[in-house]
Amino acid sequence: STSGFSFETMGWYRQPPGKQREMVALAKRYGSR
């Protein structure tokens, strides 16, 4: 939910038990994955 703008990057991170957060998947606004 935003105030009318779109994000440059959206995606997912995860944090396994006892470990730091890591990148899972990211998508740029215009198609890069």
PDB file of all heavy atoms in Angstrom:
ATOM      1  N   SER A   1       0.860  -1.180   0.000  1.00  0.00           N
ATOM      2  CA  SER A   1       0.000   0.000   0.000  1.00  0.00           C
ATOM      3  C   SER A   1       0.894   1.228   0.000  1.00  0.00           C
ATOM      4  O   SER A   1       1.683   1.422   0.928  1.00  0.00           O
ATOM      5  CB  SER A   1      -0.911   0.009   1.219  1.00  0.00           C
ATOM      6  OG  SER A   1      -1.771  -1.124   1.217  1.00  0.00           O
ATOM      7  N   THR A   2       0.773   2.055  -1.035  1.00  0.00           N
ATOM      8  CA  THR A   2       1.638   3.217  -1.189  1.00  0.00           C
ATOM      9  C   THR A   2       0.808   4.484  -1.342  1.00  0.00           C
ATOM     10  O   THR A   2      -0.415   4.449  -1.427  1.00  0.00           O
ATOM     11  CB  THR A   2       2.564   3.074  -2.400  1.00  0.00           C
ATOM     12  OG1 THR A   2       1.789   3.228  -3.598  1.00  0.00           O
ATOM     13  CG2 THR A   2       3.236   1.713  -2.414  1.00  0.00           C
ATOM     14  N   SER A   3       1.512   5.607  -1.425  1.00  0.00           N
ATOM     15  CA  SER A   3       0.870   6.899  -1.635  1.00  0.00           C
ATOM     16  C   SER A   3       0.837   7.287  -3.111  1.00  0.00           C
ATOM     17  O   SER A   3       0.853   8.464  -3.439  1.00  0.00           O
ATOM     18  CB  SER A   3       1.579   7.979  -0.817  1.00  0.00           C
ATOM     19  OG  SER A   3       2.961   8.028  -1.120  1.00  0.00           O
ATOM     20  N   GLY A   4       0.814   6.287  -4.004  1.00  0.00           N
ATOM     21  CA  GLY A   4       0.656   6.542  -5.421  1.00  0.00           C
ATOM     22  C   GLY A   4       1.891   6.346  -6.273  1.00  0.00           C
ATOM     23  O   GLY A   4       1.851   6.648  -7.466  1.00  0.00           O
ATOM     24  N   PHE A   5       2.969   5.832  -5.716  1.00  0.00           N
ATOM     25  CA  PHE A   5       4.185   5.597  -6.480  1.00  0.00           C
ATOM     26  C   PHE A   5       4.454   4.098  -6.599  1.00  0.00           C
ATOM     27  O   PHE A   5       3.882   3.296  -5.861  1.00  0.00           O
ATOM     28  CB  PHE A   5       5.393   6.290  -5.832  1.00  0.00           C
ATOM     29  CG  PHE A   5       5.660   5.857  -4.426  1.00  0.00           C
ATOM     30  CD1 PHE A   5       6.438   4.750  -4.159  1.00  0.00           C
ATOM     31  CD2 PHE A   5       5.140   6.573  -3.357  1.00  0.00           C
ATOM     32  CE1 PHE A   5       6.690   4.348  -2.865  1.00  0.00           C
ATOM     33  CE2 PHE A   5       5.376   6.182  -2.060  1.00  0.00           C
ATOM     34  CZ  PHE A   5       6.153   5.062  -1.813  1.00  0.00           C
ATOM     35  N   SER A   6       5.300   3.724  -7.522  1.00  0.00           N
ATOM     36  CA  SER A   6       5.738   2.346  -7.669  1.00  0.00           C
ATOM     37  C   SER A   6       7.205   2.238  -7.290  1.00  0.00           C
ATOM     38  O   SER A   6       7.960   3.205  -7.367  1.00  0.00           O
ATOM     39  CB  SER A   6       5.519   1.851  -9.102  1.00  0.00           C
ATOM     40  OG  SER A   6       6.270   2.616 -10.028  1.00  0.00           O
ATOM     41  N   PHE A   7       7.615   1.038  -6.881  1.00  0.00           N
ATOM     42  CA  PHE A   7       8.971   0.816  -6.398  1.00  0.00           C
ATOM     43  C   PHE A   7       9.920   0.473  -7.528  1.00  0.00           C
ATOM     44  O   PHE A   7       9.523  -0.084  -8.555  1.00  0.00           O
ATOM     45  CB  PHE A   7       8.985  -0.302  -5.366  1.00  0.00           C
ATOM     46  CG  PHE A   7       8.154  -0.020  -4.157  1.00  0.00           C
ATOM     47  CD1 PHE A   7       6.880  -0.548  -4.038  1.00  0.00           C
ATOM     48  CD2 PHE A   7       8.643   0.772  -3.140  1.00  0.00           C
ATOM     49  CE1 PHE A   7       6.104  -0.288  -2.923  1.00  0.00           C
ATOM     50  CE2 PHE A   7       7.880   1.041  -2.012  1.00  0.00           C
ATOM     51  CZ  PHE A   7       6.610   0.509  -1.910  1.00  0.00           C
ATOM     52  N   GLU A   8      11.190   0.796  -7.336  1.00  0.00           N
ATOM     53  CA  GLU A   8      12.203   0.395  -8.292  1.00  0.00           C
ATOM     54  C   GLU A   8      12.460  -1.109  -8.213  1.00  0.00           C
ATOM     55  O   GLU A   8      12.577  -1.785  -9.221  1.00  0.00           O
ATOM     56  CB  GLU A   8      13.501   1.160  -8.058  1.00  0.00           C
ATOM     57  CG  GLU A   8      14.663   0.702  -8.932  1.00  0.00           C
ATOM     58  CD  GLU A   8      14.401   0.897 -10.412  1.00  0.00           C
ATOM     59  OE1 GLU A   8      13.621   1.809 -10.775  1.00  0.00           O
ATOM     60  OE2 GLU A   8      14.981   0.135 -11.211  1.00  0.00           O
ATOM     61  N   THR A   9      12.530  -1.618  -7.002  1.00  0.00           N
ATOM     62  CA  THR A   9      12.810  -3.028  -6.777  1.00  0.00           C
ATOM     63  C   THR A   9      11.813  -3.618  -5.792  1.00  0.00           C
ATOM     64  O   THR A   9      11.482  -2.998  -4.782  1.00  0.00           O
ATOM     65  CB  THR A   9      14.235  -3.226  -6.226  1.00  0.00           C
ATOM     66  OG1 THR A   9      15.182  -2.601  -7.089  1.00  0.00           O
ATOM     67  CG2 THR A   9      14.559  -4.704  -6.091  1.00  0.00           C
ATOM     68  N   MET A  10      11.332  -4.811  -6.090  1.00  0.00           N
ATOM     69  CA  MET A  10      10.512  -5.575  -5.163  1.00  0.00           C
ATOM     70  C   MET A  10      10.980  -7.021  -5.192  1.00  0.00           C
ATOM     71  O   MET A  10      11.534  -7.483  -6.192  1.00  0.00           O
ATOM     72  CB  MET A  10       9.027  -5.511  -5.511  1.00  0.00           C
ATOM     73  CG  MET A  10       8.419  -4.126  -5.424  1.00  0.00           C
ATOM     74  SD  MET A  10       6.611  -4.137  -5.609  1.00  0.00           S
ATOM     75  CE  MET A  10       6.118  -4.836  -4.018  1.00  0.00           C
ATOM     76  N   GLY A  11      10.755  -7.731  -4.101  1.00  0.00           N
ATOM     77  CA  GLY A  11      11.147  -9.131  -4.080  1.00  0.00           C
ATOM     78  C   GLY A  11      11.052  -9.745  -2.708  1.00  0.00           C
ATOM     79  O   GLY A  11      10.223  -9.338  -1.884  1.00  0.00           O
ATOM     80  N   TRP A  12      11.934 -10.734  -2.479  1.00  0.00           N
ATOM     81  CA  TRP A  12      11.853 -11.541  -1.273  1.00  0.00           C
ATOM     82  C   TRP A  12      13.219 -11.804  -0.674  1.00  0.00           C
ATOM     83  O   TRP A  12      14.196 -12.056  -1.399  1.00  0.00           O
ATOM     84  CB  TRP A  12      11.190 -12.893  -1.586  1.00  0.00           C
ATOM     85  CG  TRP A  12       9.794 -12.763  -2.078  1.00  0.00           C
ATOM     86  CD1 TRP A  12       9.386 -12.648  -3.364  1.00  0.00           C
ATOM     87  CD2 TRP A  12       8.618 -12.721  -1.265  1.00  0.00           C
ATOM     88  NE1 TRP A  12       8.013 -12.540  -3.421  1.00  0.00           N
ATOM     89  CE2 TRP A  12       7.520 -12.585  -2.147  1.00  0.00           C
ATOM     90  CE3 TRP A  12       8.381 -12.796   0.103  1.00  0.00           C
ATOM     91  CZ2 TRP A  12       6.202 -12.507  -1.692  1.00  0.00           C
ATOM     92  CZ3 TRP A  12       7.072 -12.715   0.556  1.00  0.00           C
ATOM     93  CH2 TRP A  12       6.006 -12.578  -0.335  1.00  0.00           C
ATOM     94  N   TYR A  13      13.286 -11.738   0.640  1.00  0.00           N
ATOM     95  CA  TYR A  13      14.418 -12.183   1.426  1.00  0.00           C
ATOM     96  C   TYR A  13      13.935 -13.260   2.390  1.00  0.00           C
ATOM     97  O   TYR A  13      12.736 -13.440   2.583  1.00  0.00           O
ATOM     98  CB  TYR A  13      15.039 -11.033   2.218  1.00  0.00           C
ATOM     99  CG  TYR A  13      15.886 -10.079   1.404  1.00  0.00           C
ATOM    100  CD1 TYR A  13      15.307  -9.179   0.529  1.00  0.00           C
ATOM    101  CD2 TYR A  13      17.273 -10.074   1.537  1.00  0.00           C
ATOM    102  CE1 TYR A  13      16.081  -8.292  -0.207  1.00  0.00           C
ATOM    103  CE2 TYR A  13      18.054  -9.196   0.808  1.00  0.00           C
ATOM    104  CZ  TYR A  13      17.453  -8.309  -0.063  1.00  0.00           C
ATOM    105  OH  TYR A  13      18.238  -7.433  -0.781  1.00  0.00           O
ATOM    106  N   ARG A  14      14.877 -13.975   3.001  1.00  0.00           N
ATOM    107  CA  ARG A  14      14.516 -14.943   4.023  1.00  0.00           C
ATOM    108  C   ARG A  14      15.597 -14.988   5.091  1.00  0.00           C
ATOM    109  O   ARG A  14      16.751 -14.654   4.844  1.00  0.00           O
ATOM    110  CB  ARG A  14      14.300 -16.335   3.432  1.00  0.00           C
ATOM    111  CG  ARG A  14      15.551 -17.010   2.902  1.00  0.00           C
ATOM    112  CD  ARG A  14      15.198 -18.326   2.222  1.00  0.00           C
ATOM    113  NE  ARG A  14      16.380 -19.021   1.736  1.00  0.00           N
ATOM    114  CZ  ARG A  14      16.342 -20.128   1.012  1.00  0.00           C
ATOM    115  NH1 ARG A  14      15.169 -20.677   0.693  1.00  0.00           N
ATOM    116  NH2 ARG A  14      17.473 -20.707   0.611  1.00  0.00           N
ATOM    117  N   GLN A  15      15.201 -15.408   6.289  1.00  0.00           N
ATOM    118  CA  GLN A  15      16.122 -15.522   7.406  1.00  0.00           C
ATOM    119  C   GLN A  15      15.950 -16.894   8.050  1.00  0.00           C
ATOM    120  O   GLN A  15      14.983 -17.115   8.785  1.00  0.00           O
ATOM    121  CB  GLN A  15      15.892 -14.416   8.432  1.00  0.00           C
ATOM    122  CG  GLN A  15      16.907 -14.401   9.551  1.00  0.00           C
ATOM    123  CD  GLN A  15      16.818 -13.147  10.401  1.00  0.00           C
ATOM    124  OE1 GLN A  15      15.881 -12.356  10.275  1.00  0.00           O
ATOM    125  NE2 GLN A  15      17.795 -12.956  11.254  1.00  0.00           N
ATOM    126  N   PRO A  16      16.878 -17.820   7.786  1.00  0.00           N
ATOM    127  CA  PRO A  16      16.818 -19.136   8.434  1.00  0.00           C
ATOM    128  C   PRO A  16      17.080 -19.006   9.929  1.00  0.00           C
ATOM    129  O   PRO A  16      17.663 -18.013  10.391  1.00  0.00           O
ATOM    130  CB  PRO A  16      17.930 -19.922   7.736  1.00  0.00           C
ATOM    131  CG  PRO A  16      18.204 -19.174   6.469  1.00  0.00           C
ATOM    132  CD  PRO A  16      17.951 -17.740   6.804  1.00  0.00           C
ATOM    133  N   PRO A  17      16.688 -20.003  10.711  1.00  0.00           N
ATOM    134  CA  PRO A  17      16.922 -19.954  12.158  1.00  0.00           C
ATOM    135  C   PRO A  17      18.401 -19.791  12.481  1.00  0.00           C
ATOM    136  O   PRO A  17      19.241 -20.528  11.965  1.00  0.00           O
ATOM    137  CB  PRO A  17      16.395 -21.300  12.653  1.00  0.00           C
ATOM    138  CG  PRO A  17      15.408 -21.729  11.614  1.00  0.00           C
ATOM    139  CD  PRO A  17      15.951 -21.216  10.313  1.00  0.00           C
ATOM    140  N   GLY A  18      18.717 -18.808  13.309  1.00  0.00           N
ATOM    141  CA  GLY A  18      20.083 -18.591  13.737  1.00  0.00           C
ATOM    142  C   GLY A  18      21.004 -17.986  12.703  1.00  0.00           C
ATOM    143  O   GLY A  18      22.212 -17.902  12.955  1.00  0.00           O
ATOM    144  N   LYS A  19      20.482 -17.564  11.561  1.00  0.00           N
ATOM    145  CA  LYS A  19      21.309 -17.003  10.506  1.00  0.00           C
ATOM    146  C   LYS A  19      20.809 -15.618  10.107  1.00  0.00           C
ATOM    147  O   LYS A  19      19.708 -15.209  10.462  1.00  0.00           O
ATOM    148  CB  LYS A  19      21.327 -17.927   9.290  1.00  0.00           C
ATOM    149  CG  LYS A  19      21.904 -19.306   9.563  1.00  0.00           C
ATOM    150  CD  LYS A  19      21.984 -20.135   8.308  1.00  0.00           C
ATOM    151  CE  LYS A  19      22.594 -21.501   8.592  1.00  0.00           C
ATOM    152  NZ  LYS A  19      23.990 -21.374   9.102  1.00  0.00           N
ATOM    153  N   GLN A  20      21.633 -14.903   9.341  1.00  0.00           N
ATOM    154  CA  GLN A  20      21.257 -13.572   8.901  1.00  0.00           C
ATOM    155  C   GLN A  20      20.373 -13.633   7.665  1.00  0.00           C
ATOM    156  O   GLN A  20      20.310 -14.644   6.968  1.00  0.00           O
ATOM    157  CB  GLN A  20      22.499 -12.722   8.635  1.00  0.00           C
ATOM    158  CG  GLN A  20      23.385 -13.226   7.518  1.00  0.00           C
ATOM    159  CD  GLN A  20      24.641 -12.394   7.364  1.00  0.00           C
ATOM    160  OE1 GLN A  20      24.991 -11.619   8.255  1.00  0.00           O
ATOM    161  NE2 GLN A  20      25.325 -12.538   6.248  1.00  0.00           N
ATOM    162  N   ARG A  21      19.717 -12.542   7.395  1.00  0.00           N
ATOM    163  CA  ARG A  21      18.810 -12.441   6.268  1.00  0.00           C
ATOM    164  C   ARG A  21      19.563 -12.538   4.947  1.00  0.00           C
ATOM    165  O   ARG A  21      20.653 -11.978   4.800  1.00  0.00           O
ATOM    166  CB  ARG A  21      18.056 -11.117   6.356  1.00  0.00           C
ATOM    167  CG  ARG A  21      16.929 -10.937   5.369  1.00  0.00           C
ATOM    168  CD  ARG A  21      16.077  -9.732   5.772  1.00  0.00           C
ATOM    169  NE  ARG A  21      16.906  -8.556   6.012  1.00  0.00           N
ATOM    170  CZ  ARG A  21      16.492  -7.459   6.622  1.00  0.00           C
ATOM    171  NH1 ARG A  21      15.240  -7.387   7.079  1.00  0.00           N
ATOM    172  NH2 ARG A  21      17.308  -6.433   6.788  1.00  0.00           N
ATOM    173  N   GLU A  22      18.973 -13.238   3.970  1.00  0.00           N
ATOM    174  CA  GLU A  22      19.597 -13.426   2.679  1.00  0.00           C
ATOM    175  C   GLU A  22      18.595 -13.168   1.561  1.00  0.00           C
ATOM    176  O   GLU A  22      17.391 -13.374   1.720  1.00  0.00           O
ATOM    177  CB  GLU A  22      20.165 -14.837   2.546  1.00  0.00           C
ATOM    178  CG  GLU A  22      19.107 -15.928   2.621  1.00  0.00           C
ATOM    179  CD  GLU A  22      19.711 -17.319   2.653  1.00  0.00           C
ATOM    180  OE1 GLU A  22      20.891 -17.446   3.013  1.00  0.00           O
ATOM    181  OE2 GLU A  22      18.980 -18.283   2.318  1.00  0.00           O
ATOM    182  N   MET A  23      19.100 -12.719   0.420  1.00  0.00           N
ATOM    183  CA  MET A  23      18.253 -12.452  -0.730  1.00  0.00           C
ATOM    184  C   MET A  23      17.777 -13.754  -1.354  1.00  0.00           C
ATOM    185  O   MET A  23      18.551 -14.701  -1.485  1.00  0.00           O
ATOM    186  CB  MET A  23      19.025 -11.627  -1.762  1.00  0.00           C
ATOM    187  CG  MET A  23      18.178 -11.147  -2.940  1.00  0.00           C
ATOM    188  SD  MET A  23      18.095 -12.365  -4.300  1.00  0.00           S
ATOM    189  CE  MET A  23      19.789 -12.313  -4.884  1.00  0.00           C
ATOM    190  N   VAL A  24      16.515 -13.789  -1.739  1.00  0.00           N
ATOM    191  CA  VAL A  24      15.934 -14.942  -2.415  1.00  0.00           C
ATOM    192  C   VAL A  24      15.677 -14.629  -3.885  1.00  0.00           C
ATOM    193  O   VAL A  24      16.134 -15.354  -4.769  1.00  0.00           O
ATOM    194  CB  VAL A  24      14.628 -15.391  -1.748  1.00  0.00           C
ATOM    195  CG1 VAL A  24      13.999 -16.546  -2.520  1.00  0.00           C
ATOM    196  CG2 VAL A  24      14.889 -15.779  -0.295  1.00  0.00           C
ATOM    197  N   ALA A  25      14.932 -13.566  -4.152  1.00  0.00           N
ATOM    198  CA  ALA A  25      14.581 -13.193  -5.513  1.00  0.00           C
ATOM    199  C   ALA A  25      14.211 -11.723  -5.551  1.00  0.00           C
ATOM    200  O   ALA A  25      13.543 -11.224  -4.650  1.00  0.00           O
ATOM    201  CB  ALA A  25      13.418 -14.039  -6.037  1.00  0.00           C
ATOM    202  N   LEU A  26      14.641 -11.017  -6.610  1.00  0.00           N
ATOM    203  CA  LEU A  26      14.352  -9.599  -6.765  1.00  0.00           C
ATOM    204  C   LEU A  26      13.888  -9.312  -8.186  1.00  0.00           C
ATOM    205  O   LEU A  26      14.321  -9.974  -9.136  1.00  0.00           O
ATOM    206  CB  LEU A  26      15.579  -8.746  -6.455  1.00  0.00           C
ATOM    207  CG  LEU A  26      16.105  -8.782  -5.024  1.00  0.00           C
ATOM    208  CD1 LEU A  26      17.390  -7.981  -4.919  1.00  0.00           C
ATOM    209  CD2 LEU A  26      15.063  -8.241  -4.052  1.00  0.00           C
ATOM    210  N   ALA A  27      13.030  -8.313  -8.324  1.00  0.00           N
ATOM    211  CA  ALA A  27      12.518  -7.890  -9.621  1.00  0.00           C
ATOM    212  C   ALA A  27      12.634  -6.382  -9.744  1.00  0.00           C
ATOM    213  O   ALA A  27      12.134  -5.641  -8.890  1.00  0.00           O
ATOM    214  CB  ALA A  27      11.070  -8.326  -9.811  1.00  0.00           C
ATOM    215  N   LYS A  28      13.287  -5.916 -10.805  1.00  0.00           N
ATOM    216  CA  LYS A  28      13.317  -4.502 -11.116  1.00  0.00           C
ATOM    217  C   LYS A  28      12.003  -4.074 -11.752  1.00  0.00           C
ATOM    218  O   LYS A  28      11.226  -4.908 -12.233  1.00  0.00           O
ATOM    219  CB  LYS A  28      14.475  -4.182 -12.058  1.00  0.00           C
ATOM    220  CG  LYS A  28      15.849  -4.515 -11.498  1.00  0.00           C
ATOM    221  CD  LYS A  28      16.182  -3.661 -10.313  1.00  0.00           C
ATOM    222  CE  LYS A  28      17.592  -3.942  -9.821  1.00  0.00           C
ATOM    223  NZ  LYS A  28      17.937  -3.120  -8.644  1.00  0.00           N
ATOM    224  N   ARG A  29      11.760  -2.784 -11.773  1.00  0.00           N
ATOM    225  CA  ARG A  29      10.478  -2.261 -12.225  1.00  0.00           C
ATOM    226  C   ARG A  29      10.160  -2.672 -13.653  1.00  0.00           C
ATOM    227  O   ARG A  29       9.010  -2.989 -13.974  1.00  0.00           O
ATOM    228  CB  ARG A  29      10.473  -0.737 -12.106  1.00  0.00           C
ATOM    229  CG  ARG A  29       9.174  -0.079 -12.535  1.00  0.00           C
ATOM    230  CD  ARG A  29       9.295   1.425 -12.437  1.00  0.00           C
ATOM    231  NE  ARG A  29       9.464   1.867 -11.061  1.00  0.00           N
ATOM    232  CZ  ARG A  29       9.917   3.063 -10.702  1.00  0.00           C
ATOM    233  NH1 ARG A  29      10.268   3.941 -11.626  1.00  0.00           N
ATOM    234  NH2 ARG A  29      10.024   3.380  -9.427  1.00  0.00           N
ATOM    235  N   TYR A  30      11.171  -2.705 -14.517  1.00  0.00           N
ATOM    236  CA  TYR A  30      10.936  -2.936 -15.932  1.00  0.00           C
ATOM    237  C   TYR A  30      11.425  -4.286 -16.417  1.00  0.00           C
ATOM    238  O   TYR A  30      11.839  -4.433 -17.567  1.00  0.00           O
ATOM    239  CB  TYR A  30      11.544  -1.803 -16.750  1.00  0.00           C
ATOM    240  CG  TYR A  30      10.924  -0.477 -16.422  1.00  0.00           C
ATOM    241  CD1 TYR A  30      11.643   0.512 -15.769  1.00  0.00           C
ATOM    242  CD2 TYR A  30       9.594  -0.220 -16.757  1.00  0.00           C
ATOM    243  CE1 TYR A  30      11.060   1.725 -15.456  1.00  0.00           C
ATOM    244  CE2 TYR A  30       9.004   0.992 -16.442  1.00  0.00           C
ATOM    245  CZ  TYR A  30       9.740   1.961 -15.791  1.00  0.00           C
ATOM    246  OH  TYR A  30       9.156   3.169 -15.478  1.00  0.00           O
ATOM    247  N   GLY A  31      11.401  -5.298 -15.541  1.00  0.00           N
ATOM    248  CA  GLY A  31      11.498  -6.665 -16.005  1.00  0.00           C
ATOM    249  C   GLY A  31      12.667  -7.514 -15.557  1.00  0.00           C
ATOM    250  O   GLY A  31      12.569  -8.735 -15.650  1.00  0.00           O
ATOM    251  N   SER A  32      13.752  -6.922 -15.090  1.00  0.00           N
ATOM    252  CA  SER A  32      14.899  -7.720 -14.694  1.00  0.00           C
ATOM    253  C   SER A  32      14.569  -8.571 -13.477  1.00  0.00           C
ATOM    254  O   SER A  32      13.891  -8.122 -12.554  1.00  0.00           O
ATOM    255  CB  SER A  32      16.101  -6.831 -14.394  1.00  0.00           C
ATOM    256  OG  SER A  32      16.522  -6.140 -15.557  1.00  0.00           O
ATOM    257  N   ARG A  33      15.083  -9.793 -13.478  1.00  0.00           N
ATOM    258  CA  ARG A  33      14.870 -10.734 -12.386  1.00  0.00           C
ATOM    259  C   ARG A  33      16.192 -11.365 -11.992  1.00  0.00           C
ATOM    260  O   ARG A  33      17.004 -11.706 -12.846  1.00  0.00           O
ATOM    261  CB  ARG A  33      13.901 -11.853 -12.791  1.00  0.00           C
ATOM    262  CG  ARG A  33      12.538 -11.394 -13.250  1.00  0.00           C
ATOM    263  CD  ARG A  33      11.664 -11.000 -12.082  1.00  0.00           C
ATOM    264  NE  ARG A  33      10.271 -10.860 -12.490  1.00  0.00           N
ATOM    265  CZ  ARG A  33       9.742  -9.766 -13.035  1.00  0.00           C
ATOM    266  NH1 ARG A  33      10.510  -8.698 -13.248  1.00  0.00           N
ATOM    267  NH2 ARG A  33       8.466  -9.738 -13.363  1.00  0.00           N
TER     268      ARG A  33
END
